[in-house]
Amino acid sequence: MTEFDDLDVETLESTVKDLTEQLTLAKKALREKRTVDLRMAMEAKKQADANVQIELRNLGYGAVGAYKFPTHLSMGKLFDI
């Protein structure tokens, strides 16, 4: 016997609904906890990319996509190597 054997259909339906909602919330919390480090790393990368773009603009280079450098410049000229 289980704790649900003595419950009527309406009570069981209500219980199932409540437990389903609890399970959904628990799964969401678990997903958030599992991915917190990944989300933080992605945000840090996004900020670093933005900082690189700002620094390139400050150095006088136009709009440069992420990790794409102007073709007329060598890496040595860009970074004074």
Protein backbone atom coordinates (compact mmCIF):
# COMPACT_ATOMS: atom_id res chain seq x y z
CA MET A 1 0.00 0.00 0.00
CA THR A 2 1.07 3.54 -0.67
CA GLU A 3 0.03 6.84 0.83
CA PHE A 4 -2.14 7.45 -2.22
CA ASP A 5 -4.28 4.30 -2.05
CA ASP A 6 -6.91 5.81 0.24
CA LEU A 7 -7.32 9.09 -1.68
CA ASP A 8 -10.25 9.75 -4.00
CA VAL A 9 -9.74 10.66 -7.67
CA GLU A 10 -10.14 14.42 -7.21
CA THR A 11 -7.62 14.50 -4.37
CA LEU A 12 -5.19 12.40 -6.39
CA GLU A 13 -5.54 14.75 -9.38
CA SER A 14 -4.88 17.73 -7.13
CA THR A 15 -1.89 15.98 -5.57
CA VAL A 16 -0.47 15.08 -8.97
CA LYS A 17 -0.89 18.68 -10.13
CA ASP A 18 0.87 20.02 -7.03
CA LEU A 19 3.70 17.51 -7.28
CA THR A 20 4.13 18.24 -10.99
CA GLU A 21 4.48 21.96 -10.23
CA GLN A 22 7.01 21.19 -7.50
CA LEU A 23 8.96 18.95 -9.86
CA THR A 24 9.02 21.66 -12.53
CA LEU A 25 10.36 24.19 -10.02
CA ALA A 26 12.95 21.72 -8.74
CA LYS A 27 14.14 20.97 -12.29
CA LYS A 28 14.45 24.68 -13.01
CA ALA A 29 16.47 25.24 -9.81
CA LEU A 30 18.73 22.30 -10.68
CA ARG A 31 19.30 23.62 -14.21
CA GLU A 32 20.14 27.07 -12.81
CA LYS A 33 22.63 25.61 -10.32
CA ARG A 34 24.27 23.39 -12.95
CA THR A 35 24.75 26.23 -15.42
CA VAL A 36 25.65 29.12 -13.10
CA ASP A 37 29.40 28.81 -13.82
CA LEU A 38 28.81 28.55 -17.56
CA ARG A 39 26.57 31.62 -17.55
CA MET A 40 29.15 33.57 -15.55
CA ALA A 41 31.92 32.55 -17.96
CA MET A 42 29.81 33.53 -20.97
CA GLU A 43 29.09 36.93 -19.43
CA ALA A 44 32.79 37.44 -18.66
CA LYS A 45 33.67 36.57 -22.26
CA LYS A 46 31.03 38.97 -23.54
CA GLN A 47 32.46 41.75 -21.36
CA ALA A 48 36.03 40.93 -22.42
CA ASP A 49 35.02 41.05 -26.09
CA ALA A 50 33.38 44.43 -25.51
CA ASN A 51 36.53 45.70 -23.79
CA VAL A 52 38.66 44.54 -26.74
CA GLN A 53 36.36 46.39 -29.14
CA ILE A 54 36.59 49.56 -27.06
CA GLU A 55 40.37 49.33 -26.88
CA LEU A 56 40.64 48.80 -30.65
CA ARG A 57 38.45 51.85 -31.24
CA ASN A 58 40.61 53.84 -28.80
CA LEU A 59 43.67 52.81 -30.81
CA GLY A 60 42.04 54.16 -33.94
CA TYR A 61 40.86 50.97 -35.58
CA GLY A 62 37.36 50.97 -37.01
CA ALA A 63 34.64 48.44 -36.38
CA VAL A 64 36.37 45.12 -35.99
CA GLY A 65 34.38 41.92 -35.44
CA ALA A 66 35.25 39.60 -32.61
CA TYR A 67 38.68 38.09 -33.20
CA LYS A 68 38.84 39.57 -36.71
CA PHE A 69 41.63 41.99 -37.38
CA PRO A 70 41.95 44.45 -40.23
CA THR A 71 43.41 42.65 -43.24
CA HIS A 72 45.81 45.45 -44.07
CA LEU A 73 47.57 45.08 -40.72
CA SER A 74 49.77 42.26 -39.60
CA MET A 75 49.51 41.01 -36.05
CA GLY A 76 52.90 42.59 -35.36
CA LYS A 77 51.70 46.04 -36.37
CA LEU A 78 48.48 45.66 -34.44
CA PHE A 79 50.15 44.55 -31.24
CA ASP A 80 53.61 46.13 -31.68
CA ILE A 81 55.30 42.74 -31.85
